[in-house]
Structures are given as structure tokens and as C-alpha cells.
Amino acid sequence: MSHDVTLTSHDPHTKLIYMANQIAKFMESKPHDEGVAGLSSHINDFWEPRMRKRLFEVLDAGGQGLRPLVIEAAASIRRPFPA
């Protein structure tokens, strides 16, 4: 399964998946636990609730297209409410 997302896709989540994967690619250069923490911290600090809501839509649907580090970091990402 490829984690690269084609930006020409008409899926409304495509750009968001691309952005999450770009952060993950950078964080994968760090020790694993530091990368997971850094990815979740970045998303919590810089992504507005609407973006996090859409990320959880992708995650709740199985995480198709997301790098494994994004999926692992999801446990530490604040889910916007109402869920």
C-alpha cells in the first residue's frame, strides 16, 4: 500500500492526508517515540479543529493513505468535539 497521495484526486481529504504524511515523513527521521510525540504535538498545536475533525474522519474510516506514524500518533491527537 502506498502512502503517497495524488493531489489531483477529488477526495476532499486528499490535501489533509498529504499534509499529515509530510509531517510524518519529517518525524520519521527522529527516534520513534519522539517522532510520534512530535507529530501529535504539531497537529494539536497548529491544526484547527475542522482540520483535526477531517483527519479523524479518515482515521475512523480505516486511515487509507496515511503513513503508519500518523495512525499511531492519533491516540495523542485531540479529537474535536462533538465527535
N, C-alpha and C. Protein backbone atom coordinates (compact mmCIF):
# COMPACT_ATOMS: atom_id res chain seq x y z
N MET A 1 0.85 -1.18 0.00
CA MET A 1 0.00 0.00 0.00
C MET A 1 0.89 1.23 0.00
N SER A 2 0.60 2.14 -0.87
CA SER A 2 1.36 3.38 -0.97
C SER A 2 0.78 4.43 -0.03
N HIS A 3 1.67 5.20 0.58
CA HIS A 3 1.24 6.26 1.46
C HIS A 3 1.29 7.61 0.75
N ASP A 4 1.70 7.59 -0.51
CA ASP A 4 1.74 8.82 -1.27
C ASP A 4 0.35 9.11 -1.81
N VAL A 5 -0.06 10.35 -1.72
CA VAL A 5 -1.39 10.76 -2.15
C VAL A 5 -1.24 11.64 -3.38
N THR A 6 -2.01 11.36 -4.40
CA THR A 6 -2.01 12.17 -5.60
C THR A 6 -2.88 13.39 -5.35
N LEU A 7 -2.31 14.57 -5.48
CA LEU A 7 -3.04 15.80 -5.16
C LEU A 7 -4.10 16.14 -6.20
N THR A 8 -4.17 15.41 -7.28
CA THR A 8 -5.19 15.67 -8.28
C THR A 8 -6.50 14.96 -7.95
N SER A 9 -6.51 14.16 -6.90
CA SER A 9 -7.70 13.42 -6.50
C SER A 9 -8.82 14.40 -6.11
N HIS A 10 -10.05 13.96 -6.31
CA HIS A 10 -11.21 14.79 -5.96
C HIS A 10 -11.70 14.53 -4.55
N ASP A 11 -11.05 13.63 -3.82
CA ASP A 11 -11.40 13.34 -2.44
C ASP A 11 -11.12 14.60 -1.61
N PRO A 12 -12.08 15.08 -0.83
CA PRO A 12 -11.86 16.30 -0.04
C PRO A 12 -10.79 16.13 1.04
N HIS A 13 -10.40 14.90 1.33
CA HIS A 13 -9.39 14.65 2.36
C HIS A 13 -7.98 14.56 1.79
N THR A 14 -7.83 14.62 0.49
CA THR A 14 -6.53 14.38 -0.14
C THR A 14 -5.44 15.32 0.37
N LYS A 15 -5.71 16.62 0.40
CA LYS A 15 -4.70 17.58 0.83
C LYS A 15 -4.35 17.38 2.30
N LEU A 16 -5.34 17.09 3.11
CA LEU A 16 -5.12 16.87 4.53
C LEU A 16 -4.24 15.62 4.75
N ILE A 17 -4.51 14.56 4.02
CA ILE A 17 -3.70 13.34 4.11
C ILE A 17 -2.27 13.65 3.70
N TYR A 18 -2.12 14.40 2.62
CA TYR A 18 -0.79 14.81 2.16
C TYR A 18 -0.04 15.58 3.25
N MET A 19 -0.72 16.53 3.87
CA MET A 19 -0.09 17.35 4.91
C MET A 19 0.32 16.50 6.11
N ALA A 20 -0.56 15.62 6.57
CA ALA A 20 -0.24 14.75 7.70
C ALA A 20 0.95 13.86 7.37
N ASN A 21 0.99 13.34 6.15
CA ASN A 21 2.09 12.47 5.74
C ASN A 21 3.40 13.23 5.63
N GLN A 22 3.36 14.49 5.22
CA GLN A 22 4.58 15.30 5.15
C GLN A 22 5.17 15.48 6.55
N ILE A 23 4.32 15.75 7.52
CA ILE A 23 4.79 15.89 8.90
C ILE A 23 5.38 14.55 9.36
N ALA A 24 4.69 13.47 9.05
CA ALA A 24 5.16 12.14 9.45
C ALA A 24 6.52 11.84 8.83
N LYS A 25 6.70 12.17 7.55
CA LYS A 25 7.99 11.91 6.89
C LYS A 25 9.12 12.59 7.65
N PHE A 26 8.90 13.84 8.06
CA PHE A 26 9.92 14.56 8.82
C PHE A 26 10.15 13.88 10.17
N MET A 27 9.08 13.54 10.86
CA MET A 27 9.19 12.96 12.21
C MET A 27 9.80 11.56 12.19
N GLU A 28 9.72 10.87 11.06
CA GLU A 28 10.31 9.53 10.96
C GLU A 28 11.83 9.58 11.03
N SER A 29 12.43 10.75 10.89
CA SER A 29 13.88 10.88 11.00
C SER A 29 14.33 10.93 12.46
N LYS A 30 13.40 11.03 13.37
CA LYS A 30 13.69 11.11 14.80
C LYS A 30 13.51 9.74 15.43
N PRO A 31 14.01 9.56 16.66
CA PRO A 31 13.69 8.31 17.36
C PRO A 31 12.17 8.11 17.40
N HIS A 32 11.73 6.86 17.33
CA HIS A 32 10.31 6.57 17.13
C HIS A 32 9.39 7.31 18.12
N ASP A 33 9.63 7.16 19.41
CA ASP A 33 8.74 7.79 20.39
C ASP A 33 8.73 9.31 20.26
N GLU A 34 9.88 9.88 19.97
CA GLU A 34 9.96 11.32 19.77
C GLU A 34 9.18 11.74 18.52
N GLY A 35 9.25 10.92 17.48
CA GLY A 35 8.51 11.21 16.25
C GLY A 35 7.01 11.17 16.45
N VAL A 36 6.52 10.16 17.18
CA VAL A 36 5.09 10.05 17.47
C VAL A 36 4.64 11.27 18.27
N ALA A 37 5.40 11.60 19.31
CA ALA A 37 5.04 12.75 20.16
C ALA A 37 5.11 14.05 19.37
N GLY A 38 6.12 14.20 18.53
CA GLY A 38 6.26 15.42 17.75
C GLY A 38 5.14 15.60 16.74
N LEU A 39 4.74 14.51 16.11
CA LEU A 39 3.65 14.58 15.13
C LEU A 39 2.34 14.97 15.81
N SER A 40 2.01 14.30 16.90
CA SER A 40 0.75 14.62 17.58
C SER A 40 0.79 16.04 18.15
N SER A 41 1.92 16.44 18.68
CA SER A 41 2.06 17.79 19.22
C SER A 41 1.88 18.84 18.12
N HIS A 42 2.49 18.62 16.98
CA HIS A 42 2.37 19.57 15.88
C HIS A 42 0.91 19.72 15.44
N ILE A 43 0.23 18.60 15.26
CA ILE A 43 -1.17 18.66 14.82
C ILE A 43 -2.03 19.32 15.90
N ASN A 44 -1.81 18.98 17.16
CA ASN A 44 -2.59 19.60 18.24
C ASN A 44 -2.35 21.11 18.32
N ASP A 45 -1.11 21.53 18.10
CA ASP A 45 -0.76 22.94 18.24
C ASP A 45 -1.13 23.80 17.04
N PHE A 46 -1.08 23.22 15.84
CA PHE A 46 -1.20 24.05 14.64
C PHE A 46 -2.40 23.78 13.75
N TRP A 47 -3.07 22.66 13.95
CA TRP A 47 -4.24 22.36 13.11
C TRP A 47 -5.51 22.79 13.84
N GLU A 48 -6.32 23.53 13.15
CA GLU A 48 -7.59 23.98 13.74
C GLU A 48 -8.54 22.78 13.89
N PRO A 49 -9.55 22.91 14.73
CA PRO A 49 -10.47 21.79 14.98
C PRO A 49 -11.08 21.18 13.72
N ARG A 50 -11.42 22.02 12.72
CA ARG A 50 -12.00 21.46 11.49
C ARG A 50 -11.03 20.53 10.78
N MET A 51 -9.75 20.86 10.80
CA MET A 51 -8.76 20.00 10.16
C MET A 51 -8.61 18.69 10.92
N ARG A 52 -8.58 18.79 12.26
CA ARG A 52 -8.48 17.57 13.06
C ARG A 52 -9.72 16.71 12.91
N LYS A 53 -10.88 17.33 12.77
CA LYS A 53 -12.12 16.58 12.55
C LYS A 53 -12.03 15.78 11.25
N ARG A 54 -11.52 16.41 10.20
CA ARG A 54 -11.40 15.72 8.91
C ARG A 54 -10.34 14.62 8.99
N LEU A 55 -9.27 14.86 9.75
CA LEU A 55 -8.27 13.81 9.93
C LEU A 55 -8.91 12.60 10.61
N PHE A 56 -9.72 12.83 11.62
CA PHE A 56 -10.38 11.71 12.31
C PHE A 56 -11.41 11.04 11.42
N GLU A 57 -11.99 11.75 10.48
CA GLU A 57 -12.88 11.09 9.51
C GLU A 57 -12.10 10.05 8.72
N VAL A 58 -10.88 10.41 8.31
CA VAL A 58 -10.03 9.48 7.57
C VAL A 58 -9.61 8.32 8.48
N LEU A 59 -9.18 8.64 9.68
CA LEU A 59 -8.74 7.61 10.62
C LEU A 59 -9.88 6.65 10.96
N ASP A 60 -11.06 7.19 11.22
CA ASP A 60 -12.22 6.35 11.59
C ASP A 60 -12.67 5.46 10.43
N ALA A 61 -12.34 5.86 9.21
CA ALA A 61 -12.69 5.07 8.03
C ALA A 61 -11.59 4.07 7.68
N GLY A 62 -10.56 3.96 8.52
CA GLY A 62 -9.51 2.97 8.30
C GLY A 62 -8.14 3.56 8.03
N GLY A 63 -8.04 4.87 7.87
CA GLY A 63 -6.74 5.51 7.69
C GLY A 63 -6.10 5.33 6.33
N GLN A 64 -6.90 5.02 5.32
CA GLN A 64 -6.38 4.79 3.97
C GLN A 64 -5.52 5.96 3.51
N GLY A 65 -4.28 5.67 3.10
CA GLY A 65 -3.37 6.68 2.58
C GLY A 65 -2.48 7.33 3.62
N LEU A 66 -2.76 7.12 4.90
CA LEU A 66 -1.95 7.73 5.94
C LEU A 66 -0.74 6.86 6.26
N ARG A 67 0.37 7.50 6.53
CA ARG A 67 1.57 6.78 6.94
C ARG A 67 1.33 6.16 8.33
N PRO A 68 1.97 5.05 8.62
CA PRO A 68 1.77 4.39 9.92
C PRO A 68 2.02 5.29 11.12
N LEU A 69 2.96 6.22 11.02
CA LEU A 69 3.24 7.10 12.16
C LEU A 69 2.05 8.00 12.46
N VAL A 70 1.32 8.43 11.44
CA VAL A 70 0.12 9.25 11.67
C VAL A 70 -0.93 8.43 12.42
N ILE A 71 -1.10 7.21 11.99
CA ILE A 71 -2.09 6.34 12.63
C ILE A 71 -1.72 6.09 14.09
N GLU A 72 -0.44 5.85 14.34
CA GLU A 72 0.00 5.61 15.71
C GLU A 72 -0.14 6.86 16.58
N ALA A 73 0.15 8.02 16.02
CA ALA A 73 0.07 9.28 16.77
C ALA A 73 -1.37 9.69 17.07
N ALA A 74 -2.33 9.12 16.35
CA ALA A 74 -3.74 9.53 16.51
C ALA A 74 -4.23 9.41 17.94
N ALA A 75 -3.69 8.46 18.69
CA ALA A 75 -4.13 8.28 20.08
C ALA A 75 -3.82 9.51 20.93
N SER A 76 -2.85 10.32 20.50
CA SER A 76 -2.47 11.52 21.26
C SER A 76 -2.94 12.82 20.62
N ILE A 77 -3.68 12.71 19.54
CA ILE A 77 -4.22 13.91 18.89
C ILE A 77 -5.59 14.20 19.48
N ARG A 78 -5.81 15.46 19.83
CA ARG A 78 -7.10 15.86 20.41
C ARG A 78 -8.20 15.76 19.36
N ARG A 79 -9.21 14.97 19.69
CA ARG A 79 -10.37 14.85 18.82
C ARG A 79 -11.30 16.03 19.11
N PRO A 80 -11.66 16.78 18.07
CA PRO A 80 -12.58 17.91 18.31
C PRO A 80 -13.96 17.40 18.70
N PHE A 81 -14.64 18.16 19.52
CA PHE A 81 -15.98 17.78 19.95
C PHE A 81 -16.98 18.77 19.36
N PRO A 82 -18.18 18.34 19.03
CA PRO A 82 -18.66 16.98 19.18
C PRO A 82 -18.02 16.07 18.13
N ALA A 83 -17.82 14.81 18.51
CA ALA A 83 -17.13 13.83 17.65
C ALA A 83 -17.99 13.39 16.51
